[in-house]
mmCIF file of all heavy atoms, coordinates in Angstrom:
data_MODEL
# 
_entry.id   MODEL 
# 
loop_
_atom_site.group_PDB 
_atom_site.id 
_atom_site.type_symbol 
_atom_site.label_atom_id 
_atom_site.label_alt_id 
_atom_site.label_comp_id 
_atom_site.label_asym_id 
_atom_site.label_entity_id 
_atom_site.label_seq_id 
_atom_site.pdbx_PDB_ins_code 
_atom_site.Cartn_x 
_atom_site.Cartn_y 
_atom_site.Cartn_z 
_atom_site.occupancy 
_atom_site.B_iso_or_equiv 
_atom_site.pdbx_formal_charge 
_atom_site.auth_seq_id 
_atom_site.auth_comp_id 
_atom_site.auth_asym_id 
_atom_site.auth_atom_id 
_atom_site.pdbx_PDB_model_num 
ATOM 1   N N   . SER A 1 1  ? 2.591  2.304   17.449  1.00 0.00 ? 1  SER A N   1 
ATOM 2   C CA  . SER A 1 1  ? 3.052  2.575   16.089  1.00 0.00 ? 1  SER A CA  1 
ATOM 3   C C   . SER A 1 1  ? 3.964  1.446   15.630  1.00 0.00 ? 1  SER A C   1 
ATOM 4   O O   . SER A 1 1  ? 4.721  0.880   16.422  1.00 0.00 ? 1  SER A O   1 
ATOM 5   C CB  . SER A 1 1  ? 3.809  3.904   16.040  1.00 0.00 ? 1  SER A CB  1 
ATOM 6   O OG  . SER A 1 1  ? 4.340  4.144   14.756  1.00 0.00 ? 1  SER A OG  1 
ATOM 7   N N   . ILE A 1 2  ? 3.880  1.109   14.338  1.00 0.00 ? 2  ILE A N   1 
ATOM 8   C CA  . ILE A 1 2  ? 4.772  0.123   13.737  1.00 0.00 ? 2  ILE A CA  1 
ATOM 9   C C   . ILE A 1 2  ? 5.175  0.613   12.355  1.00 0.00 ? 2  ILE A C   1 
ATOM 10  O O   . ILE A 1 2  ? 4.350  1.125   11.602  1.00 0.00 ? 2  ILE A O   1 
ATOM 11  C CB  . ILE A 1 2  ? 4.116  -1.275  13.625  1.00 0.00 ? 2  ILE A CB  1 
ATOM 12  C CG1 . ILE A 1 2  ? 5.102  -2.279  12.979  1.00 0.00 ? 2  ILE A CG1 1 
ATOM 13  C CG2 . ILE A 1 2  ? 2.791  -1.224  12.865  1.00 0.00 ? 2  ILE A CG2 1 
ATOM 14  C CD1 . ILE A 1 2  ? 4.619  -3.709  13.008  1.00 0.00 ? 2  ILE A CD1 1 
ATOM 15  N N   . LYS A 1 3  ? 6.458  0.484   12.040  1.00 0.00 ? 3  LYS A N   1 
ATOM 16  C CA  . LYS A 1 3  ? 6.952  0.849   10.714  1.00 0.00 ? 3  LYS A CA  1 
ATOM 17  C C   . LYS A 1 3  ? 6.870  -0.371  9.807   1.00 0.00 ? 3  LYS A C   1 
ATOM 18  O O   . LYS A 1 3  ? 7.370  -1.437  10.157  1.00 0.00 ? 3  LYS A O   1 
ATOM 19  C CB  . LYS A 1 3  ? 8.390  1.374   10.792  1.00 0.00 ? 3  LYS A CB  1 
ATOM 20  C CG  . LYS A 1 3  ? 8.501  2.737   11.477  1.00 0.00 ? 3  LYS A CG  1 
ATOM 21  C CD  . LYS A 1 3  ? 9.927  3.265   11.417  1.00 0.00 ? 3  LYS A CD  1 
ATOM 22  C CE  . LYS A 1 3  ? 10.005 4.659   12.041  1.00 0.00 ? 3  LYS A CE  1 
ATOM 23  N NZ  . LYS A 1 3  ? 11.384 5.198   11.971  1.00 0.00 ? 3  LYS A NZ  1 
ATOM 24  N N   . VAL A 1 4  ? 6.244  -0.177  8.663   1.00 0.00 ? 4  VAL A N   1 
ATOM 25  C CA  . VAL A 1 4  ? 5.974  -1.284  7.749   1.00 0.00 ? 4  VAL A CA  1 
ATOM 26  C C   . VAL A 1 4  ? 6.579  -0.986  6.381   1.00 0.00 ? 4  VAL A C   1 
ATOM 27  O O   . VAL A 1 4  ? 6.227  0.013   5.743   1.00 0.00 ? 4  VAL A O   1 
ATOM 28  C CB  . VAL A 1 4  ? 4.453  -1.518  7.606   1.00 0.00 ? 4  VAL A CB  1 
ATOM 29  C CG1 . VAL A 1 4  ? 4.183  -2.688  6.658   1.00 0.00 ? 4  VAL A CG1 1 
ATOM 30  C CG2 . VAL A 1 4  ? 3.820  -1.767  8.969   1.00 0.00 ? 4  VAL A CG2 1 
ATOM 31  N N   . GLY A 1 5  ? 7.490  -1.832  5.927   1.00 0.00 ? 5  GLY A N   1 
ATOM 32  C CA  . GLY A 1 5  ? 8.051  -1.683  4.593   1.00 0.00 ? 5  GLY A CA  1 
ATOM 33  C C   . GLY A 1 5  ? 7.076  -2.201  3.550   1.00 0.00 ? 5  GLY A C   1 
ATOM 34  O O   . GLY A 1 5  ? 6.414  -3.215  3.760   1.00 0.00 ? 5  GLY A O   1 
ATOM 35  N N   . PHE A 1 6  ? 6.982  -1.497  2.427   1.00 0.00 ? 6  PHE A N   1 
ATOM 36  C CA  . PHE A 1 6  ? 6.084  -1.931  1.361   1.00 0.00 ? 6  PHE A CA  1 
ATOM 37  C C   . PHE A 1 6  ? 6.736  -1.718  0.005   1.00 0.00 ? 6  PHE A C   1 
ATOM 38  O O   . PHE A 1 6  ? 7.645  -0.896  -0.151  1.00 0.00 ? 6  PHE A O   1 
ATOM 39  C CB  . PHE A 1 6  ? 4.748  -1.161  1.410   1.00 0.00 ? 6  PHE A CB  1 
ATOM 40  C CG  . PHE A 1 6  ? 4.837  0.253   0.890   1.00 0.00 ? 6  PHE A CG  1 
ATOM 41  C CD1 . PHE A 1 6  ? 4.553  0.554   -0.447  1.00 0.00 ? 6  PHE A CD1 1 
ATOM 42  C CD2 . PHE A 1 6  ? 5.214  1.298   1.720   1.00 0.00 ? 6  PHE A CD2 1 
ATOM 43  C CE1 . PHE A 1 6  ? 4.638  1.850   -0.932  1.00 0.00 ? 6  PHE A CE1 1 
ATOM 44  C CE2 . PHE A 1 6  ? 5.314  2.602   1.247   1.00 0.00 ? 6  PHE A CE2 1 
ATOM 45  C CZ  . PHE A 1 6  ? 5.016  2.876   -0.085  1.00 0.00 ? 6  PHE A CZ  1 
ATOM 46  N N   . ILE A 1 7  ? 6.263  -2.484  -0.968  1.00 0.00 ? 7  ILE A N   1 
ATOM 47  C CA  . ILE A 1 7  ? 6.676  -2.338  -2.363  1.00 0.00 ? 7  ILE A CA  1 
ATOM 48  C C   . ILE A 1 7  ? 5.404  -2.287  -3.196  1.00 0.00 ? 7  ILE A C   1 
ATOM 49  O O   . ILE A 1 7  ? 4.576  -3.200  -3.098  1.00 0.00 ? 7  ILE A O   1 
ATOM 50  C CB  . ILE A 1 7  ? 7.550  -3.512  -2.824  1.00 0.00 ? 7  ILE A CB  1 
ATOM 51  C CG1 . ILE A 1 7  ? 8.778  -3.663  -1.921  1.00 0.00 ? 7  ILE A CG1 1 
ATOM 52  C CG2 . ILE A 1 7  ? 7.994  -3.324  -4.276  1.00 0.00 ? 7  ILE A CG2 1 
ATOM 53  C CD1 . ILE A 1 7  ? 9.573  -4.937  -2.172  1.00 0.00 ? 7  ILE A CD1 1 
ATOM 54  N N   . PRO A 1 8  ? 5.180  -1.247  -3.996  1.00 0.00 ? 8  PRO A N   1 
ATOM 55  C CA  . PRO A 1 8  ? 3.975  -1.210  -4.833  1.00 0.00 ? 8  PRO A CA  1 
ATOM 56  C C   . PRO A 1 8  ? 3.920  -2.421  -5.757  1.00 0.00 ? 8  PRO A C   1 
ATOM 57  O O   . PRO A 1 8  ? 4.817  -2.642  -6.559  1.00 0.00 ? 8  PRO A O   1 
ATOM 58  C CB  . PRO A 1 8  ? 4.141  0.090   -5.625  1.00 0.00 ? 8  PRO A CB  1 
ATOM 59  C CG  . PRO A 1 8  ? 5.041  0.946   -4.789  1.00 0.00 ? 8  PRO A CG  1 
ATOM 60  C CD  . PRO A 1 8  ? 5.994  -0.025  -4.147  1.00 0.00 ? 8  PRO A CD  1 
ATOM 61  N N   . ALA A 1 9  ? 2.886  -3.226  -5.607  1.00 0.00 ? 9  ALA A N   1 
ATOM 62  C CA  . ALA A 1 9  ? 2.713  -4.435  -6.418  1.00 0.00 ? 9  ALA A CA  1 
ATOM 63  C C   . ALA A 1 9  ? 1.234  -4.811  -6.389  1.00 0.00 ? 9  ALA A C   1 
ATOM 64  O O   . ALA A 1 9  ? 0.805  -5.539  -5.499  1.00 0.00 ? 9  ALA A O   1 
ATOM 65  C CB  . ALA A 1 9  ? 3.573  -5.580  -5.889  1.00 0.00 ? 9  ALA A CB  1 
ATOM 66  N N   . PRO A 1 10 ? 0.443  -4.262  -7.322  1.00 0.00 ? 10 PRO A N   1 
ATOM 67  C CA  . PRO A 1 10 ? -0.990 -4.566  -7.347  1.00 0.00 ? 10 PRO A CA  1 
ATOM 68  C C   . PRO A 1 10 ? -1.216 -6.067  -7.526  1.00 0.00 ? 10 PRO A C   1 
ATOM 69  O O   . PRO A 1 10 ? -0.385 -6.756  -8.128  1.00 0.00 ? 10 PRO A O   1 
ATOM 70  C CB  . PRO A 1 10 ? -1.484 -3.784  -8.575  1.00 0.00 ? 10 PRO A CB  1 
ATOM 71  C CG  . PRO A 1 10 ? -0.446 -2.736  -8.811  1.00 0.00 ? 10 PRO A CG  1 
ATOM 72  C CD  . PRO A 1 10 ? 0.850  -3.351  -8.392  1.00 0.00 ? 10 PRO A CD  1 
ATOM 73  N N   . PRO A 1 11 ? -2.335 -6.601  -6.996  1.00 0.00 ? 11 PRO A N   1 
ATOM 74  C CA  . PRO A 1 11 ? -3.398 -5.877  -6.289  1.00 0.00 ? 11 PRO A CA  1 
ATOM 75  C C   . PRO A 1 11 ? -3.209 -5.826  -4.784  1.00 0.00 ? 11 PRO A C   1 
ATOM 76  O O   . PRO A 1 11 ? -4.051 -5.282  -4.084  1.00 0.00 ? 11 PRO A O   1 
ATOM 77  C CB  . PRO A 1 11 ? -4.637 -6.691  -6.642  1.00 0.00 ? 11 PRO A CB  1 
ATOM 78  C CG  . PRO A 1 11 ? -4.112 -8.097  -6.722  1.00 0.00 ? 11 PRO A CG  1 
ATOM 79  C CD  . PRO A 1 11 ? -2.720 -7.998  -7.289  1.00 0.00 ? 11 PRO A CD  1 
ATOM 80  N N   . GLY A 1 12 ? -2.093 -6.368  -4.266  1.00 0.00 ? 12 GLY A N   1 
ATOM 81  C CA  . GLY A 1 12 ? -1.871 -6.346  -2.828  1.00 0.00 ? 12 GLY A CA  1 
ATOM 82  C C   . GLY A 1 12 ? -1.568 -4.958  -2.305  1.00 0.00 ? 12 GLY A C   1 
ATOM 83  O O   . GLY A 1 12 ? -2.116 -4.523  -1.287  1.00 0.00 ? 12 GLY A O   1 
ATOM 84  N N   . VAL A 1 13 ? -0.657 -4.262  -2.982  1.00 0.00 ? 13 VAL A N   1 
ATOM 85  C CA  . VAL A 1 13 ? -0.285 -2.892  -2.603  1.00 0.00 ? 13 VAL A CA  1 
ATOM 86  C C   . VAL A 1 13 ? -0.367 -2.007  -3.845  1.00 0.00 ? 13 VAL A C   1 
ATOM 87  O O   . VAL A 1 13 ? 0.327  -2.255  -4.836  1.00 0.00 ? 13 VAL A O   1 
ATOM 88  C CB  . VAL A 1 13 ? 1.140  -2.828  -2.019  1.00 0.00 ? 13 VAL A CB  1 
ATOM 89  C CG1 . VAL A 1 13 ? 1.491  -1.389  -1.647  1.00 0.00 ? 13 VAL A CG1 1 
ATOM 90  C CG2 . VAL A 1 13 ? 1.269  -3.740  -0.803  1.00 0.00 ? 13 VAL A CG2 1 
ATOM 91  N N   . ILE A 1 14 ? -1.217 -1.004  -3.781  1.00 0.00 ? 14 ILE A N   1 
ATOM 92  C CA  . ILE A 1 14 ? -1.419 -0.083  -4.900  1.00 0.00 ? 14 ILE A CA  1 
ATOM 93  C C   . ILE A 1 14 ? -1.091 1.328   -4.418  1.00 0.00 ? 14 ILE A C   1 
ATOM 94  O O   . ILE A 1 14 ? -1.687 1.807   -3.450  1.00 0.00 ? 14 ILE A O   1 
ATOM 95  C CB  . ILE A 1 14 ? -2.871 -0.135  -5.414  1.00 0.00 ? 14 ILE A CB  1 
ATOM 96  C CG1 . ILE A 1 14 ? -3.239 -1.562  -5.827  1.00 0.00 ? 14 ILE A CG1 1 
ATOM 97  C CG2 . ILE A 1 14 ? -3.070 0.826   -6.575  1.00 0.00 ? 14 ILE A CG2 1 
ATOM 98  C CD1 . ILE A 1 14 ? -4.713 -1.761  -6.091  1.00 0.00 ? 14 ILE A CD1 1 
ATOM 99  N N   . LYS A 1 15 ? -0.146 1.988   -5.077  1.00 0.00 ? 15 LYS A N   1 
ATOM 100 C CA  . LYS A 1 15 ? 0.235  3.348   -4.702  1.00 0.00 ? 15 LYS A CA  1 
ATOM 101 C C   . LYS A 1 15 ? -0.290 4.324   -5.746  1.00 0.00 ? 15 LYS A C   1 
ATOM 102 O O   . LYS A 1 15 ? 0.018  4.199   -6.932  1.00 0.00 ? 15 LYS A O   1 
ATOM 103 C CB  . LYS A 1 15 ? 1.753  3.466   -4.594  1.00 0.00 ? 15 LYS A CB  1 
ATOM 104 C CG  . LYS A 1 15 ? 2.231  4.854   -4.173  1.00 0.00 ? 15 LYS A CG  1 
ATOM 105 C CD  . LYS A 1 15 ? 3.748  4.914   -4.058  1.00 0.00 ? 15 LYS A CD  1 
ATOM 106 C CE  . LYS A 1 15 ? 4.213  6.309   -3.665  1.00 0.00 ? 15 LYS A CE  1 
ATOM 107 N NZ  . LYS A 1 15 ? 5.693  6.389   -3.577  1.00 0.00 ? 15 LYS A NZ  1 
ATOM 108 N N   . ASP A 1 16 ? -1.077 5.285   -5.316  1.00 0.00 ? 16 ASP A N   1 
ATOM 109 C CA  . ASP A 1 16 ? -1.592 6.298   -6.215  1.00 0.00 ? 16 ASP A CA  1 
ATOM 110 C C   . ASP A 1 16 ? -0.436 7.187   -6.667  1.00 0.00 ? 16 ASP A C   1 
ATOM 111 O O   . ASP A 1 16 ? 0.232  7.813   -5.833  1.00 0.00 ? 16 ASP A O   1 
ATOM 112 C CB  . ASP A 1 16 ? -2.653 7.143   -5.511  1.00 0.00 ? 16 ASP A CB  1 
ATOM 113 C CG  . ASP A 1 16 ? -3.352 8.110   -6.441  1.00 0.00 ? 16 ASP A CG  1 
ATOM 114 O OD1 . ASP A 1 16 ? -2.670 9.041   -6.942  1.00 0.00 ? 16 ASP A OD1 1 
ATOM 115 O OD2 . ASP A 1 16 ? -4.559 7.971   -6.668  1.00 0.00 ? 16 ASP A OD2 1 
ATOM 116 N N   . PRO A 1 17 ? -0.156 7.265   -7.970  1.00 0.00 ? 17 PRO A N   1 
ATOM 117 C CA  . PRO A 1 17 ? 1.011  8.021   -8.438  1.00 0.00 ? 17 PRO A CA  1 
ATOM 118 C C   . PRO A 1 17 ? 0.901  9.528   -8.175  1.00 0.00 ? 17 PRO A C   1 
ATOM 119 O O   . PRO A 1 17 ? 1.931  10.204  -8.092  1.00 0.00 ? 17 PRO A O   1 
ATOM 120 C CB  . PRO A 1 17 ? 1.036  7.732   -9.949  1.00 0.00 ? 17 PRO A CB  1 
ATOM 121 C CG  . PRO A 1 17 ? -0.355 7.325   -10.285 1.00 0.00 ? 17 PRO A CG  1 
ATOM 122 C CD  . PRO A 1 17 ? -0.904 6.633   -9.078  1.00 0.00 ? 17 PRO A CD  1 
ATOM 123 N N   . ALA A 1 18 ? -0.300 10.038  -8.039  1.00 0.00 ? 18 ALA A N   1 
ATOM 124 C CA  . ALA A 1 18 ? -0.478 11.474  -7.812  1.00 0.00 ? 18 ALA A CA  1 
ATOM 125 C C   . ALA A 1 18 ? -0.405 11.828  -6.333  1.00 0.00 ? 18 ALA A C   1 
ATOM 126 O O   . ALA A 1 18 ? 0.344  12.726  -5.929  1.00 0.00 ? 18 ALA A O   1 
ATOM 127 C CB  . ALA A 1 18 ? -1.810 11.928  -8.401  1.00 0.00 ? 18 ALA A CB  1 
ATOM 128 N N   . SER A 1 19 ? -1.168 11.097  -5.512  1.00 0.00 ? 19 SER A N   1 
ATOM 129 C CA  . SER A 1 19 ? -1.257 11.455  -4.091  1.00 0.00 ? 19 SER A CA  1 
ATOM 130 C C   . SER A 1 19 ? -0.292 10.678  -3.207  1.00 0.00 ? 19 SER A C   1 
ATOM 131 O O   . SER A 1 19 ? 0.009  11.096  -2.081  1.00 0.00 ? 19 SER A O   1 
ATOM 132 C CB  . SER A 1 19 ? -2.682 11.217  -3.591  1.00 0.00 ? 19 SER A CB  1 
ATOM 133 O OG  . SER A 1 19 ? -2.999 9.828   -3.622  1.00 0.00 ? 19 SER A OG  1 
ATOM 134 N N   . GLY A 1 20 ? 0.180  9.529   -3.701  1.00 0.00 ? 20 GLY A N   1 
ATOM 135 C CA  . GLY A 1 20 ? 1.020  8.677   -2.870  1.00 0.00 ? 20 GLY A CA  1 
ATOM 136 C C   . GLY A 1 20 ? 0.233  7.816   -1.902  1.00 0.00 ? 20 GLY A C   1 
ATOM 137 O O   . GLY A 1 20 ? 0.822  7.043   -1.134  1.00 0.00 ? 20 GLY A O   1 
ATOM 138 N N   . GLU A 1 21 ? -1.089 7.937   -1.910  1.00 0.00 ? 21 GLU A N   1 
ATOM 139 C CA  . GLU A 1 21 ? -1.930 7.139   -1.012  1.00 0.00 ? 21 GLU A CA  1 
ATOM 140 C C   . GLU A 1 21 ? -1.832 5.653   -1.360  1.00 0.00 ? 21 GLU A C   1 
ATOM 141 O O   . GLU A 1 21 ? -1.713 5.285   -2.528  1.00 0.00 ? 21 GLU A O   1 
ATOM 142 C CB  . GLU A 1 21 ? -3.381 7.592   -1.109  1.00 0.00 ? 21 GLU A CB  1 
ATOM 143 C CG  . GLU A 1 21 ? -3.659 8.951   -0.478  1.00 0.00 ? 21 GLU A CG  1 
ATOM 144 C CD  . GLU A 1 21 ? -3.467 8.928   1.032   1.00 0.00 ? 21 GLU A CD  1 
ATOM 145 O OE1 . GLU A 1 21 ? -3.951 7.977   1.688   1.00 0.00 ? 21 GLU A OE1 1 
ATOM 146 O OE2 . GLU A 1 21 ? -2.808 9.847   1.549   1.00 0.00 ? 21 GLU A OE2 1 
ATOM 147 N N   . LEU A 1 22 ? -1.907 4.821   -0.325  1.00 0.00 ? 22 LEU A N   1 
ATOM 148 C CA  . LEU A 1 22 ? -1.796 3.384   -0.516  1.00 0.00 ? 22 LEU A CA  1 
ATOM 149 C C   . LEU A 1 22 ? -3.152 2.698   -0.412  1.00 0.00 ? 22 LEU A C   1 
ATOM 150 O O   . LEU A 1 22 ? -3.979 3.063   0.422   1.00 0.00 ? 22 LEU A O   1 
ATOM 151 C CB  . LEU A 1 22 ? -0.856 2.774   0.541   1.00 0.00 ? 22 LEU A CB  1 
ATOM 152 C CG  . LEU A 1 22 ? 0.603  3.213   0.503   1.00 0.00 ? 22 LEU A CG  1 
ATOM 153 C CD1 . LEU A 1 22 ? 1.396  2.463   1.568   1.00 0.00 ? 22 LEU A CD1 1 
ATOM 154 C CD2 . LEU A 1 22 ? 1.226  2.990   -0.863  1.00 0.00 ? 22 LEU A CD2 1 
ATOM 155 N N   . GLY A 1 23 ? -3.357 1.713   -1.280  1.00 0.00 ? 23 GLY A N   1 
ATOM 156 C CA  . GLY A 1 23 ? -4.533 0.872   -1.229  1.00 0.00 ? 23 GLY A CA  1 
ATOM 157 C C   . GLY A 1 23 ? -4.132 -0.552  -1.549  1.00 0.00 ? 23 GLY A C   1 
ATOM 158 O O   . GLY A 1 23 ? -2.945 -0.882  -1.616  1.00 0.00 ? 23 GLY A O   1 
ATOM 159 N N   . GLY A 1 24 ? -5.104 -1.414  -1.766  1.00 0.00 ? 24 GLY A N   1 
ATOM 160 C CA  . GLY A 1 24 ? -4.828 -2.817  -2.037  1.00 0.00 ? 24 GLY A CA  1 
ATOM 161 C C   . GLY A 1 24 ? -5.199 -3.677  -0.843  1.00 0.00 ? 24 GLY A C   1 
ATOM 162 O O   . GLY A 1 24 ? -5.292 -3.203  0.292   1.00 0.00 ? 24 GLY A O   1 
ATOM 163 N N   . TYR A 1 25 ? -5.421 -4.965  -1.087  1.00 0.00 ? 25 TYR A N   1 
ATOM 164 C CA  . TYR A 1 25 ? -5.916 -5.808  -0.001  1.00 0.00 ? 25 TYR A CA  1 
ATOM 165 C C   . TYR A 1 25 ? -4.861 -6.117  1.047   1.00 0.00 ? 25 TYR A C   1 
ATOM 166 O O   . TYR A 1 25 ? -5.192 -6.421  2.203   1.00 0.00 ? 25 TYR A O   1 
ATOM 167 C CB  . TYR A 1 25 ? -6.552 -7.095  -0.542  1.00 0.00 ? 25 TYR A CB  1 
ATOM 168 C CG  . TYR A 1 25 ? -5.633 -8.025  -1.283  1.00 0.00 ? 25 TYR A CG  1 
ATOM 169 C CD1 . TYR A 1 25 ? -4.883 -8.969  -0.613  1.00 0.00 ? 25 TYR A CD1 1 
ATOM 170 C CD2 . TYR A 1 25 ? -5.534 -7.978  -2.667  1.00 0.00 ? 25 TYR A CD2 1 
ATOM 171 C CE1 . TYR A 1 25 ? -4.044 -9.836  -1.291  1.00 0.00 ? 25 TYR A CE1 1 
ATOM 172 C CE2 . TYR A 1 25 ? -4.706 -8.846  -3.357  1.00 0.00 ? 25 TYR A CE2 1 
ATOM 173 C CZ  . TYR A 1 25 ? -3.970 -9.769  -2.666  1.00 0.00 ? 25 TYR A CZ  1 
ATOM 174 O OH  . TYR A 1 25 ? -3.134 -10.629 -3.346  1.00 0.00 ? 25 TYR A OH  1 
ATOM 175 N N   . TYR A 1 26 ? -3.570 -6.038  0.725   1.00 0.00 ? 26 TYR A N   1 
ATOM 176 C CA  . TYR A 1 26 ? -2.542 -6.161  1.761   1.00 0.00 ? 26 TYR A CA  1 
ATOM 177 C C   . TYR A 1 26 ? -2.652 -4.986  2.737   1.00 0.00 ? 26 TYR A C   1 
ATOM 178 O O   . TYR A 1 26 ? -2.586 -5.158  3.954   1.00 0.00 ? 26 TYR A O   1 
ATOM 179 C CB  . TYR A 1 26 ? -1.150 -6.158  1.140   1.00 0.00 ? 26 TYR A CB  1 
ATOM 180 C CG  . TYR A 1 26 ? -0.647 -7.498  0.665   1.00 0.00 ? 26 TYR A CG  1 
ATOM 181 C CD1 . TYR A 1 26 ? -1.427 -8.646  0.731   1.00 0.00 ? 26 TYR A CD1 1 
ATOM 182 C CD2 . TYR A 1 26 ? 0.631  -7.627  0.139   1.00 0.00 ? 26 TYR A CD2 1 
ATOM 183 C CE1 . TYR A 1 26 ? -0.958 -9.861  0.292   1.00 0.00 ? 26 TYR A CE1 1 
ATOM 184 C CE2 . TYR A 1 26 ? 1.115  -8.840  -0.298  1.00 0.00 ? 26 TYR A CE2 1 
ATOM 185 C CZ  . TYR A 1 26 ? 0.315  -9.954  -0.226  1.00 0.00 ? 26 TYR A CZ  1 
ATOM 186 O OH  . TYR A 1 26 ? 0.798  -11.172 -0.656  1.00 0.00 ? 26 TYR A OH  1 
ATOM 187 N N   . VAL A 1 27 ? -2.753 -3.792  2.174   1.00 0.00 ? 27 VAL A N   1 
ATOM 188 C CA  . VAL A 1 27 ? -2.833 -2.577  2.994   1.00 0.00 ? 27 VAL A CA  1 
ATOM 189 C C   . VAL A 1 27 ? -4.090 -2.610  3.857   1.00 0.00 ? 27 VAL A C   1 
ATOM 190 O O   . VAL A 1 27 ? -4.048 -2.315  5.062   1.00 0.00 ? 27 VAL A O   1 
ATOM 191 C CB  . VAL A 1 27 ? -2.807 -1.323  2.103   1.00 0.00 ? 27 VAL A CB  1 
ATOM 192 C CG1 . VAL A 1 27 ? -2.950 -0.059  2.946   1.00 0.00 ? 27 VAL A CG1 1 
ATOM 193 C CG2 . VAL A 1 27 ? -1.521 -1.272  1.288   1.00 0.00 ? 27 VAL A CG2 1 
ATOM 194 N N   . ASP A 1 28 ? -5.221 -2.977  3.258   1.00 0.00 ? 28 ASP A N   1 
ATOM 195 C CA  . ASP A 1 28 ? -6.478 -3.043  4.008   1.00 0.00 ? 28 ASP A CA  1 
ATOM 196 C C   . ASP A 1 28 ? -6.382 -4.070  5.134   1.00 0.00 ? 28 ASP A C   1 
ATOM 197 O O   . ASP A 1 28 ? -6.823 -3.815  6.263   1.00 0.00 ? 28 ASP A O   1 
ATOM 198 C CB  . ASP A 1 28 ? -7.631 -3.417  3.079   1.00 0.00 ? 28 ASP A CB  1 
ATOM 199 C CG  . ASP A 1 28 ? -7.890 -2.368  2.008   1.00 0.00 ? 28 ASP A CG  1 
ATOM 200 O OD1 . ASP A 1 28 ? -7.394 -1.234  2.152   1.00 0.00 ? 28 ASP A OD1 1 
ATOM 201 O OD2 . ASP A 1 28 ? -8.582 -2.684  1.028   1.00 0.00 ? 28 ASP A OD2 1 
ATOM 202 N N   . GLY A 1 29 ? -5.809 -5.237  4.822   1.00 0.00 ? 29 GLY A N   1 
ATOM 203 C CA  . GLY A 1 29 ? -5.683 -6.283  5.831   1.00 0.00 ? 29 GLY A CA  1 
ATOM 204 C C   . GLY A 1 29 ? -4.771 -5.879  6.971   1.00 0.00 ? 29 GLY A C   1 
ATOM 205 O O   . GLY A 1 29 ? -5.078 -6.097  8.147   1.00 0.00 ? 29 GLY A O   1 
ATOM 206 N N   . LEU A 1 30 ? -3.632 -5.277  6.633   1.00 0.00 ? 30 LEU A N   1 
ATOM 207 C CA  . LEU A 1 30 ? -2.685 -4.882  7.668   1.00 0.00 ? 30 LEU A CA  1 
ATOM 208 C C   . LEU A 1 30 ? -3.275 -3.794  8.564   1.00 0.00 ? 30 LEU A C   1 
ATOM 209 O O   . LEU A 1 30 ? -3.123 -3.823  9.788   1.00 0.00 ? 30 LEU A O   1 
ATOM 210 C CB  . LEU A 1 30 ? -1.383 -4.399  7.029   1.00 0.00 ? 30 LEU A CB  1 
ATOM 211 C CG  . LEU A 1 30 ? -0.345 -3.999  8.070   1.00 0.00 ? 30 LEU A CG  1 
ATOM 212 C CD1 . LEU A 1 30 ? 0.974  -4.729  7.851   1.00 0.00 ? 30 LEU A CD1 1 
ATOM 213 C CD2 . LEU A 1 30 ? -0.099 -2.492  8.057   1.00 0.00 ? 30 LEU A CD2 1 
# 
């Protein structure tokens, strides 16, 4: 396990405002 800090900033990190799920190519790559 690793704890990863993130900041919502499309298109690298996209946070769904309803579900809180994360997407974006940073998230996919990591």
